Amino acid sequence: RRRDAVTDTGEWRPVWKAMKGLAEQHGDDNVRLV
């Protein structure tokens, strides 16, 4: 499943944390991941 390939706790954790912080500051609709 997608969660098996990109885990919450693995090497993507800093990305998820940064995106959460940006969304809190700028709103969910103003954050993109490329």
Full PDB file with SEQRES, HELIX, SHEET, SSBOND, CRYST1, ORIGX, SCALE, CONECT and MASTER records, all heavy atoms in Angstrom:
SEQRES   1 A   34  ARG ARG ARG ASP ALA VAL THR ASP THR GLY GLU TRP ARG          
SEQRES   2 A   34  PRO VAL TRP LYS ALA MET LYS GLY LEU ALA GLU GLN HIS          
SEQRES   3 A   34  GLY ASP ASP ASN VAL ARG LEU VAL                              
HELIX    1 AA1 ARG A    2  ALA A    5  1                                   4    
HELIX    2 AA2 ARG A   13  HIS A   26  1                                  14    
HELIX    3 AA3 ASP A   28  ASN A   30  5                                   3    
CRYST1    1.000    1.000    1.000  90.00  90.00  90.00 P 1           1          
ORIGX1      1.000000  0.000000  0.000000        0.00000                         
ORIGX2      0.000000  1.000000  0.000000        0.00000                         
ORIGX3      0.000000  0.000000  1.000000        0.00000                         
SCALE1      1.000000  0.000000  0.000000        0.00000                         
SCALE2      0.000000  1.000000  0.000000        0.00000                         
SCALE3      0.000000  0.000000  1.000000        0.00000                         
ATOM      1  N   ARG A   1       0.857  -1.180   0.000  1.00  0.00           N  
ATOM      2  CA  ARG A   1       0.000   0.000   0.000  1.00  0.00           C  
ATOM      3  C   ARG A   1       0.897   1.234   0.000  1.00  0.00           C  
ATOM      4  O   ARG A   1       2.094   1.147   0.274  1.00  0.00           O  
ATOM      5  CB  ARG A   1      -0.882   0.008   1.258  1.00  0.00           C  
ATOM      6  CG  ARG A   1      -1.787  -1.200   1.353  1.00  0.00           C  
ATOM      7  CD  ARG A   1      -2.391  -1.338   2.733  1.00  0.00           C  
ATOM      8  NE  ARG A   1      -1.299  -1.505   3.705  1.00  0.00           N  
ATOM      9  CZ  ARG A   1      -1.334  -1.089   4.958  1.00  0.00           C  
ATOM     10  NH1 ARG A   1      -2.380  -0.475   5.432  1.00  0.00           N  
ATOM     11  NH2 ARG A   1      -0.318  -1.289   5.764  1.00  0.00           N  
ATOM     12  N   ARG A   2       0.324   2.362  -0.286  1.00  0.00           N  
ATOM     13  CA  ARG A   2       1.113   3.600  -0.301  1.00  0.00           C  
ATOM     14  C   ARG A   2       1.845   3.791   1.023  1.00  0.00           C  
ATOM     15  O   ARG A   2       3.002   4.194   1.039  1.00  0.00           O  
ATOM     16  CB  ARG A   2       0.215   4.801  -0.586  1.00  0.00           C  
ATOM     17  CG  ARG A   2      -0.204   4.888  -2.024  1.00  0.00           C  
ATOM     18  CD  ARG A   2      -1.063   6.093  -2.263  1.00  0.00           C  
ATOM     19  NE  ARG A   2      -1.296   6.254  -3.696  1.00  0.00           N  
ATOM     20  CZ  ARG A   2      -2.310   6.917  -4.189  1.00  0.00           C  
ATOM     21  NH1 ARG A   2      -3.182   7.503  -3.386  1.00  0.00           N  
ATOM     22  NH2 ARG A   2      -2.460   7.017  -5.483  1.00  0.00           N  
ATOM     23  N   ARG A   3       1.174   3.522   2.137  1.00  0.00           N  
ATOM     24  CA  ARG A   3       1.797   3.752   3.442  1.00  0.00           C  
ATOM     25  C   ARG A   3       2.986   2.812   3.681  1.00  0.00           C  
ATOM     26  O   ARG A   3       3.856   3.105   4.488  1.00  0.00           O  
ATOM     27  CB  ARG A   3       0.780   3.676   4.575  1.00  0.00           C  
ATOM     28  CG  ARG A   3       0.400   2.326   5.065  1.00  0.00           C  
ATOM     29  CD  ARG A   3      -0.482   2.350   6.322  1.00  0.00           C  
ATOM     30  NE  ARG A   3      -1.724   3.076   6.127  1.00  0.00           N  
ATOM     31  CZ  ARG A   3      -1.970   4.309   6.590  1.00  0.00           C  
ATOM     32  NH1 ARG A   3      -1.070   4.955   7.280  1.00  0.00           N  
ATOM     33  NH2 ARG A   3      -3.129   4.891   6.369  1.00  0.00           N  
ATOM     34  N   ASP A   4       3.039   1.693   2.985  1.00  0.00           N  
ATOM     35  CA  ASP A   4       4.181   0.789   3.103  1.00  0.00           C  
ATOM     36  C   ASP A   4       5.414   1.363   2.402  1.00  0.00           C  
ATOM     37  O   ASP A   4       6.536   1.115   2.812  1.00  0.00           O  
ATOM     38  CB  ASP A   4       3.854  -0.576   2.487  1.00  0.00           C  
ATOM     39  CG  ASP A   4       2.688  -1.269   3.169  1.00  0.00           C  
ATOM     40  OD1 ASP A   4       2.542  -1.117   4.399  1.00  0.00           O  
ATOM     41  OD2 ASP A   4       1.912  -1.947   2.462  1.00  0.00           O  
ATOM     42  N   ALA A   5       5.179   2.109   1.330  1.00  0.00           N  
ATOM     43  CA  ALA A   5       6.275   2.669   0.548  1.00  0.00           C  
ATOM     44  C   ALA A   5       6.794   3.981   1.138  1.00  0.00           C  
ATOM     45  O   ALA A   5       7.982   4.277   1.065  1.00  0.00           O  
ATOM     46  CB  ALA A   5       5.826   2.892  -0.899  1.00  0.00           C  
ATOM     47  N   VAL A   6       5.904   4.764   1.727  1.00  0.00           N  
ATOM     48  CA  VAL A   6       6.261   6.075   2.282  1.00  0.00           C  
ATOM     49  C   VAL A   6       5.703   6.137   3.703  1.00  0.00           C  
ATOM     50  O   VAL A   6       4.561   6.519   3.904  1.00  0.00           O  
ATOM     51  CB  VAL A   6       5.682   7.223   1.419  1.00  0.00           C  
ATOM     52  CG1 VAL A   6       6.121   8.572   1.961  1.00  0.00           C  
ATOM     53  CG2 VAL A   6       6.088   7.075  -0.035  1.00  0.00           C  
ATOM     54  N   THR A   7       6.520   5.758   4.663  1.00  0.00           N  
ATOM     55  CA  THR A   7       6.033   5.644   6.041  1.00  0.00           C  
ATOM     56  C   THR A   7       6.023   6.991   6.763  1.00  0.00           C  
ATOM     57  O   THR A   7       6.742   7.919   6.395  1.00  0.00           O  
ATOM     58  CB  THR A   7       6.900   4.664   6.844  1.00  0.00           C  
ATOM     59  OG1 THR A   7       8.213   5.202   6.944  1.00  0.00           O  
ATOM     60  CG2 THR A   7       6.950   3.295   6.182  1.00  0.00           C  
ATOM     61  N   ASP A   8       5.213   7.062   7.816  1.00  0.00           N  
ATOM     62  CA  ASP A   8       5.141   8.266   8.650  1.00  0.00           C  
ATOM     63  C   ASP A   8       6.432   8.505   9.420  1.00  0.00           C  
ATOM     64  O   ASP A   8       6.788   9.634   9.722  1.00  0.00           O  
ATOM     65  CB  ASP A   8       4.011   8.137   9.686  1.00  0.00           C  
ATOM     66  CG  ASP A   8       2.638   8.150   9.061  1.00  0.00           C  
ATOM     67  OD1 ASP A   8       2.490   8.652   7.940  1.00  0.00           O  
ATOM     68  OD2 ASP A   8       1.698   7.658   9.714  1.00  0.00           O  
ATOM     69  N   THR A   9       7.105   7.428   9.787  1.00  0.00           N  
ATOM     70  CA  THR A   9       8.244   7.536  10.699  1.00  0.00           C  
ATOM     71  C   THR A   9       9.601   7.382  10.027  1.00  0.00           C  
ATOM     72  O   THR A   9      10.616   7.606  10.659  1.00  0.00           O  
ATOM     73  CB  THR A   9       8.132   6.469  11.804  1.00  0.00           C  
ATOM     74  OG1 THR A   9       8.080   5.181  11.187  1.00  0.00           O  
ATOM     75  CG2 THR A   9       6.899   6.691  12.648  1.00  0.00           C  
ATOM     76  N   GLY A  10       9.624   7.011   8.774  1.00  0.00           N  
ATOM     77  CA  GLY A  10      10.890   6.777   8.088  1.00  0.00           C  
ATOM     78  C   GLY A  10      11.562   8.057   7.621  1.00  0.00           C  
ATOM     79  O   GLY A  10      11.409   9.125   8.224  1.00  0.00           O  
ATOM     80  N   GLU A  11      12.269   7.950   6.526  1.00  0.00           N  
ATOM     81  CA  GLU A  11      13.054   9.084   6.029  1.00  0.00           C  
ATOM     82  C   GLU A  11      12.195  10.255   5.557  1.00  0.00           C  
ATOM     83  O   GLU A  11      12.692  11.361   5.387  1.00  0.00           O  
ATOM     84  CB  GLU A  11      13.979   8.622   4.900  1.00  0.00           C  
ATOM     85  CG  GLU A  11      13.249   8.026   3.721  1.00  0.00           C  
ATOM     86  CD  GLU A  11      14.175   7.337   2.744  1.00  0.00           C  
ATOM     87  OE1 GLU A  11      15.364   7.164   3.042  1.00  0.00           O  
ATOM     88  OE2 GLU A  11      13.702   6.974   1.664  1.00  0.00           O  
ATOM     89  N   TRP A  12      10.898  10.028   5.383  1.00  0.00           N  
ATOM     90  CA  TRP A  12       9.995  11.115   4.966  1.00  0.00           C  
ATOM     91  C   TRP A  12       9.490  11.931   6.151  1.00  0.00           C  
ATOM     92  O   TRP A  12       8.849  12.971   5.967  1.00  0.00           O  
ATOM     93  CB  TRP A  12       8.811  10.533   4.190  1.00  0.00           C  
ATOM     94  CG  TRP A  12       9.203  10.118   2.810  1.00  0.00           C  
ATOM     95  CD1 TRP A  12       9.682   8.892   2.426  1.00  0.00           C  
ATOM     96  CD2 TRP A  12       9.174  10.924   1.640  1.00  0.00           C  
ATOM     97  NE1 TRP A  12       9.939   8.891   1.080  1.00  0.00           N  
ATOM     98  CE2 TRP A  12       9.641  10.127   0.572  1.00  0.00           C  
ATOM     99  CE3 TRP A  12       8.801  12.239   1.374  1.00  0.00           C  
ATOM    100  CZ2 TRP A  12       9.746  10.604  -0.731  1.00  0.00           C  
ATOM    101  CZ3 TRP A  12       8.901  12.715   0.080  1.00  0.00           C  
ATOM    102  CH2 TRP A  12       9.378  11.900  -0.949  1.00  0.00           C  
ATOM    103  N   ARG A  13       9.749  11.502   7.369  1.00  0.00           N  
ATOM    104  CA  ARG A  13       9.219  12.196   8.549  1.00  0.00           C  
ATOM    105  C   ARG A  13       9.531  13.694   8.551  1.00  0.00           C  
ATOM    106  O   ARG A  13       8.642  14.514   8.816  1.00  0.00           O  
ATOM    107  CB  ARG A  13       9.716  11.528   9.819  1.00  0.00           C  
ATOM    108  CG  ARG A  13       9.086  12.118  11.048  1.00  0.00           C  
ATOM    109  CD  ARG A  13       9.544  11.437  12.308  1.00  0.00           C  
ATOM    110  NE  ARG A  13       8.632  11.814  13.373  1.00  0.00           N  
ATOM    111  CZ  ARG A  13       8.370  11.098  14.400  1.00  0.00           C  
ATOM    112  NH1 ARG A  13       8.942   9.920  14.542  1.00  0.00           N  
ATOM    113  NH2 ARG A  13       7.543  11.513  15.318  1.00  0.00           N  
ATOM    114  N   PRO A  14      10.773  14.128   8.263  1.00  0.00           N  
ATOM    115  CA  PRO A  14      11.047  15.576   8.248  1.00  0.00           C  
ATOM    116  C   PRO A  14      10.221  16.323   7.190  1.00  0.00           C  
ATOM    117  O   PRO A  14       9.830  17.468   7.403  1.00  0.00           O  
ATOM    118  CB  PRO A  14      12.545  15.660   7.922  1.00  0.00           C  
ATOM    119  CG  PRO A  14      13.104  14.328   8.265  1.00  0.00           C  
ATOM    120  CD  PRO A  14      11.993  13.335   8.053  1.00  0.00           C  
ATOM    121  N   VAL A  15       9.929  15.661   6.079  1.00  0.00           N  
ATOM    122  CA  VAL A  15       9.110  16.283   5.035  1.00  0.00           C  
ATOM    123  C   VAL A  15       7.694  16.498   5.551  1.00  0.00           C  
ATOM    124  O   VAL A  15       7.115  17.582   5.402  1.00  0.00           O  
ATOM    125  CB  VAL A  15       9.099  15.419   3.753  1.00  0.00           C  
ATOM    126  CG1 VAL A  15       8.162  16.001   2.710  1.00  0.00           C  
ATOM    127  CG2 VAL A  15      10.501  15.264   3.201  1.00  0.00           C  
ATOM    128  N   TRP A  16       7.119  15.453   6.170  1.00  0.00           N  
ATOM    129  CA  TRP A  16       5.754  15.580   6.696  1.00  0.00           C  
ATOM    130  C   TRP A  16       5.692  16.664   7.768  1.00  0.00           C  
ATOM    131  O   TRP A  16       4.730  17.428   7.824  1.00  0.00           O  
ATOM    132  CB  TRP A  16       5.248  14.262   7.262  1.00  0.00           C  
ATOM    133  CG  TRP A  16       5.326  13.086   6.343  1.00  0.00           C  
ATOM    134  CD1 TRP A  16       5.631  11.800   6.704  1.00  0.00           C  
ATOM    135  CD2 TRP A  16       5.095  13.038   4.926  1.00  0.00           C  
ATOM    136  NE1 TRP A  16       5.608  10.985   5.606  1.00  0.00           N  
ATOM    137  CE2 TRP A  16       5.287  11.720   4.497  1.00  0.00           C  
ATOM    138  CE3 TRP A  16       4.774  14.003   3.971  1.00  0.00           C  
ATOM    139  CZ2 TRP A  16       5.150  11.326   3.178  1.00  0.00           C  
ATOM    140  CZ3 TRP A  16       4.636  13.617   2.639  1.00  0.00           C  
ATOM    141  CH2 TRP A  16       4.817  12.293   2.266  1.00  0.00           C  
ATOM    142  N   LYS A  17       6.712  16.749   8.603  1.00  0.00           N  
ATOM    143  CA  LYS A  17       6.742  17.750   9.668  1.00  0.00           C  
ATOM    144  C   LYS A  17       6.807  19.161   9.075  1.00  0.00           C  
ATOM    145  O   LYS A  17       6.084  20.056   9.518  1.00  0.00           O  
ATOM    146  CB  LYS A  17       7.943  17.497  10.588  1.00  0.00           C  
ATOM    147  CG  LYS A  17       7.998  18.390  11.786  1.00  0.00           C  
ATOM    148  CD  LYS A  17       9.157  18.025  12.698  1.00  0.00           C  
ATOM    149  CE  LYS A  17       9.198  18.962  13.883  1.00  0.00           C  
ATOM    150  NZ  LYS A  17      10.302  18.642  14.784  1.00  0.00           N  
ATOM    151  N   ALA A  18       7.658  19.352   8.065  1.00  0.00           N  
ATOM    152  CA  ALA A  18       7.769  20.672   7.419  1.00  0.00           C  
ATOM    153  C   ALA A  18       6.461  21.053   6.734  1.00  0.00           C  
ATOM    154  O   ALA A  18       6.010  22.205   6.833  1.00  0.00           O  
ATOM    155  CB  ALA A  18       8.917  20.661   6.413  1.00  0.00           C  
ATOM    156  N   MET A  19       5.839  20.087   6.051  1.00  0.00           N  
ATOM    157  CA  MET A  19       4.572  20.375   5.372  1.00  0.00           C  
ATOM    158  C   MET A  19       3.477  20.729   6.372  1.00  0.00           C  
ATOM    159  O   MET A  19       2.668  21.637   6.127  1.00  0.00           O  
ATOM    160  CB  MET A  19       4.149  19.187   4.509  1.00  0.00           C  
ATOM    161  CG  MET A  19       5.025  19.009   3.287  1.00  0.00           C  
ATOM    162  SD  MET A  19       4.459  17.683   2.232  1.00  0.00           S  
ATOM    163  CE  MET A  19       2.966  18.418   1.575  1.00  0.00           C  
ATOM    164  N   LYS A  20       3.460  20.057   7.501  1.00  0.00           N  
ATOM    165  CA  LYS A  20       2.460  20.360   8.523  1.00  0.00           C  
ATOM    166  C   LYS A  20       2.655  21.782   9.034  1.00  0.00           C  
ATOM    167  O   LYS A  20       1.691  22.539   9.184  1.00  0.00           O  
ATOM    168  CB  LYS A  20       2.560  19.350   9.673  1.00  0.00           C  
ATOM    169  CG  LYS A  20       1.542  19.586  10.757  1.00  0.00           C  
ATOM    170  CD  LYS A  20       1.647  18.545  11.866  1.00  0.00           C  
ATOM    171  CE  LYS A  20       0.606  18.851  12.930  1.00  0.00           C  
ATOM    172  NZ  LYS A  20       0.703  17.959  14.066  1.00  0.00           N  
ATOM    173  N   GLY A  21       3.908  22.152   9.316  1.00  0.00           N  
ATOM    174  CA  GLY A  21       4.199  23.505   9.790  1.00  0.00           C  
ATOM    175  C   GLY A  21       3.806  24.566   8.769  1.00  0.00           C  
ATOM    176  O   GLY A  21       3.223  25.599   9.117  1.00  0.00           O  
ATOM    177  N   LEU A  22       4.108  24.324   7.503  1.00  0.00           N  
ATOM    178  CA  LEU A  22       3.729  25.270   6.447  1.00  0.00           C  
ATOM    179  C   LEU A  22       2.217  25.388   6.313  1.00  0.00           C  
ATOM    180  O   LEU A  22       1.674  26.483   6.128  1.00  0.00           O  
ATOM    181  CB  LEU A  22       4.347  24.841   5.108  1.00  0.00           C  
ATOM    182  CG  LEU A  22       5.854  25.009   5.002  1.00  0.00           C  
ATOM    183  CD1 LEU A  22       6.387  24.274   3.770  1.00  0.00           C  
ATOM    184  CD2 LEU A  22       6.221  26.481   4.955  1.00  0.00           C  
ATOM    185  N   ALA A  23       1.521  24.245   6.418  1.00  0.00           N  
ATOM    186  CA  ALA A  23       0.058  24.262   6.309  1.00  0.00           C  
ATOM    187  C   ALA A  23      -0.564  25.025   7.476  1.00  0.00           C  
ATOM    188  O   ALA A  23      -1.545  25.759   7.292  1.00  0.00           O  
ATOM    189  CB  ALA A  23      -0.484  22.838   6.250  1.00  0.00           C  
ATOM    190  N   GLU A  24       0.020  24.877   8.660  1.00  0.00           N  
ATOM    191  CA  GLU A  24      -0.504  25.615   9.817  1.00  0.00           C  
ATOM    192  C   GLU A  24      -0.326  27.124   9.625  1.00  0.00           C  
ATOM    193  O   GLU A  24      -1.161  27.911  10.045  1.00  0.00           O  
ATOM    194  CB  GLU A  24       0.190  25.145  11.099  1.00  0.00           C  
ATOM    195  CG  GLU A  24      -0.242  23.757  11.533  1.00  0.00           C  
ATOM    196  CD  GLU A  24       0.600  23.175  12.649  1.00  0.00           C  
ATOM    197  OE1 GLU A  24       1.599  23.809  13.073  1.00  0.00           O  
ATOM    198  OE2 GLU A  24       0.274  22.056  13.106  1.00  0.00           O  
ATOM    199  N   GLN A  25       0.755  27.512   8.991  1.00  0.00           N  
ATOM    200  CA  GLN A  25       1.037  28.934   8.788  1.00  0.00           C  
ATOM    201  C   GLN A  25       0.309  29.518   7.578  1.00  0.00           C  
ATOM    202  O   GLN A  25      -0.169  30.644   7.618  1.00  0.00           O  
ATOM    203  CB  GLN A  25       2.544  29.148   8.624  1.00  0.00           C  
ATOM    204  CG  GLN A  25       2.940  30.596   8.510  1.00  0.00           C  
ATOM    205  CD  GLN A  25       4.440  30.779   8.496  1.00  0.00           C  
ATOM    206  OE1 GLN A  25       5.202  29.814   8.547  1.00  0.00           O  
ATOM    207  NE2 GLN A  25       4.877  32.009   8.422  1.00  0.00           N  
ATOM    208  N   HIS A  26       0.215  28.734   6.485  1.00  0.00           N  
ATOM    209  CA  HIS A  26      -0.304  29.271   5.221  1.00  0.00           C  
ATOM    210  C   HIS A  26      -1.615  28.646   4.760  1.00  0.00           C  
ATOM    211  O   HIS A  26      -2.181  29.076   3.768  1.00  0.00           O  
ATOM    212  CB  HIS A  26       0.744  29.097   4.112  1.00  0.00           C  
ATOM    213  CG  HIS A  26       2.039  29.773   4.421  1.00  0.00           C  
ATOM    214  ND1 HIS A  26       2.199  31.133   4.379  1.00  0.00           N  
ATOM    215  CD2 HIS A  26       3.235  29.260   4.792  1.00  0.00           C  
ATOM    216  CE1 HIS A  26       3.445  31.442   4.700  1.00  0.00           C  
ATOM    217  NE2 HIS A  26       4.098  30.322   4.959  1.00  0.00           N  
ATOM    218  N   GLY A  27      -2.076  27.610   5.427  1.00  0.00           N  
ATOM    219  CA  GLY A  27      -3.301  26.922   5.033  1.00  0.00           C  
ATOM    220  C   GLY A  27      -3.012  25.717   4.152  1.00  0.00           C  
ATOM    221  O   GLY A  27      -2.069  25.730   3.352  1.00  0.00           O  
ATOM    222  N   ASP A  28      -3.828  24.674   4.297  1.00  0.00           N  
ATOM    223  CA  ASP A  28      -3.631  23.421   3.560  1.00  0.00           C  
ATOM    224  C   ASP A  28      -3.566  23.621   2.050  1.00  0.00           C  
ATOM    225  O   ASP A  28      -2.770  22.988   1.368  1.00  0.00           O  
ATOM    226  CB  ASP A  28      -4.753  22.435   3.871  1.00  0.00           C  
ATOM    227  CG  ASP A  28      -4.670  21.864   5.280  1.00  0.00           C  
ATOM    228  OD1 ASP A  28      -3.631  22.047   5.947  1.00  0.00           O  
ATOM    229  OD2 ASP A  28      -5.652  21.229   5.704  1.00  0.00           O  
ATOM    230  N   ASP A  29      -4.417  24.502   1.522  1.00  0.00           N  
ATOM    231  CA  ASP A  29      -4.496  24.678   0.068  1.00  0.00           C  
ATOM    232  C   ASP A  29      -3.306  25.429  -0.518  1.00  0.00           C  
ATOM    233  O   ASP A  29      -3.200  25.557  -1.741  1.00  0.00           O  
ATOM    234  CB  ASP A  29      -5.793  25.404  -0.312  1.00  0.00           C  
ATOM    235  CG  ASP A  29      -7.019  24.535  -0.055  1.00  0.00           C  
ATOM    236  OD1 ASP A  29      -6.863  23.297   0.006  1.00  0.00           O  
ATOM    237  OD2 ASP A  29      -8.121  25.097   0.073  1.00  0.00           O  
ATOM    238  N   ASN A  30      -2.411  25.922   0.326  1.00  0.00           N  
ATOM    239  CA  ASN A  30      -1.269  26.697  -0.151  1.00  0.00           C  
ATOM    240  C   ASN A  30       0.062  25.966   0.013  1.00  0.00           C  
ATOM    241  O   ASN A  30       1.123  26.581  -0.062  1.00  0.00           O  
ATOM    242  CB  ASN A  30      -1.224  28.043   0.581  1.00  0.00           C  
ATOM    243  CG  ASN A  30      -2.440  28.876   0.262  1.00  0.00           C  
ATOM    244  OD1 ASN A  30      -2.786  29.052  -0.897  1.00  0.00           O  
ATOM    245  ND2 ASN A  30      -3.116  29.354   1.286  1.00  0.00           N  
ATOM    246  N   VAL A  31      -0.008  24.666   0.228  1.00  0.00           N  
ATOM    247  CA  VAL A  31       1.212  23.863   0.389  1.00  0.00           C  
ATOM    248  C   VAL A  31       1.206  22.757  -0.653  1.00  0.00           C  
ATOM    249  O   VAL A  31       0.221  22.051  -0.815  1.00  0.00           O  
ATOM    250  CB  VAL A  31       1.297  23.264   1.807  1.00  0.00           C  
ATOM    251  CG1 VAL A  31       2.553  22.413   1.953  1.00  0.00           C  
ATOM    252  CG2 VAL A  31       1.269  24.362   2.861  1.00  0.00           C  
ATOM    253  N   ARG A  32       2.307  22.621  -1.370  1.00  0.00           N  
ATOM    254  CA  ARG A  32       2.446  21.582  -2.398  1.00  0.00           C  
ATOM    255  C   ARG A  32       3.763  20.831  -2.181  1.00  0.00           C  
ATOM    256  O   ARG A  32       4.739  21.395  -1.710  1.00  0.00           O  
ATOM    257  CB  ARG A  32       2.493  22.184  -3.803  1.00  0.00           C  
ATOM    258  CG  ARG A  32       1.278  22.975  -4.199  1.00  0.00           C  
ATOM    259  CD  ARG A  32       0.101  22.043  -4.514  1.00  0.00           C  
ATOM    260  NE  ARG A  32      -1.072  22.782  -4.888  1.00  0.00           N  
ATOM    261  CZ  ARG A  32      -2.018  23.204  -4.061  1.00  0.00           C  
ATOM    262  NH1 ARG A  32      -1.902  22.956  -2.785  1.00  0.00           N  
ATOM    263  NH2 ARG A  32      -3.057  23.871  -4.484  1.00  0.00           N  
ATOM    264  N   LEU A  33       3.758  19.575  -2.574  1.00  0.00           N  
ATOM    265  CA  LEU A  33       4.972  18.766  -2.528  1.00  0.00           C  
ATOM    266  C   LEU A  33       5.263  18.292  -3.945  1.00  0.00           C  
ATOM    267  O   LEU A  33       4.413  17.652  -4.570  1.00  0.00           O  
ATOM    268  CB  LEU A  33       4.810  17.556  -1.592  1.00  0.00           C  
ATOM    269  CG  LEU A  33       5.972  16.570  -1.552  1.00  0.00           C  
ATOM    270  CD1 LEU A  33       7.217  17.239  -0.983  1.00  0.00           C  
ATOM    271  CD2 LEU A  33       5.590  15.358  -0.727  1.00  0.00           C  
ATOM    272  N   VAL A  34       6.432  18.636  -4.444  1.00  0.00           N  
ATOM    273  CA  VAL A  34       6.870  18.186  -5.758  1.00  0.00           C  
ATOM    274  C   VAL A  34       8.116  17.334  -5.533  1.00  0.00           C  
ATOM    275  O   VAL A  34       9.059  17.761  -4.861  1.00  0.00           O  
ATOM    276  CB  VAL A  34       7.200  19.386  -6.685  1.00  0.00           C  
ATOM    277  CG1 VAL A  34       7.690  18.889  -8.038  1.00  0.00           C  
ATOM    278  CG2 VAL A  34       5.977  20.291  -6.829  1.00  0.00           C  
TER     279      VAL A  34                                                      
MASTER        0    0    0    3    0    0    0    6  278    1    0    3          
END                                                                             
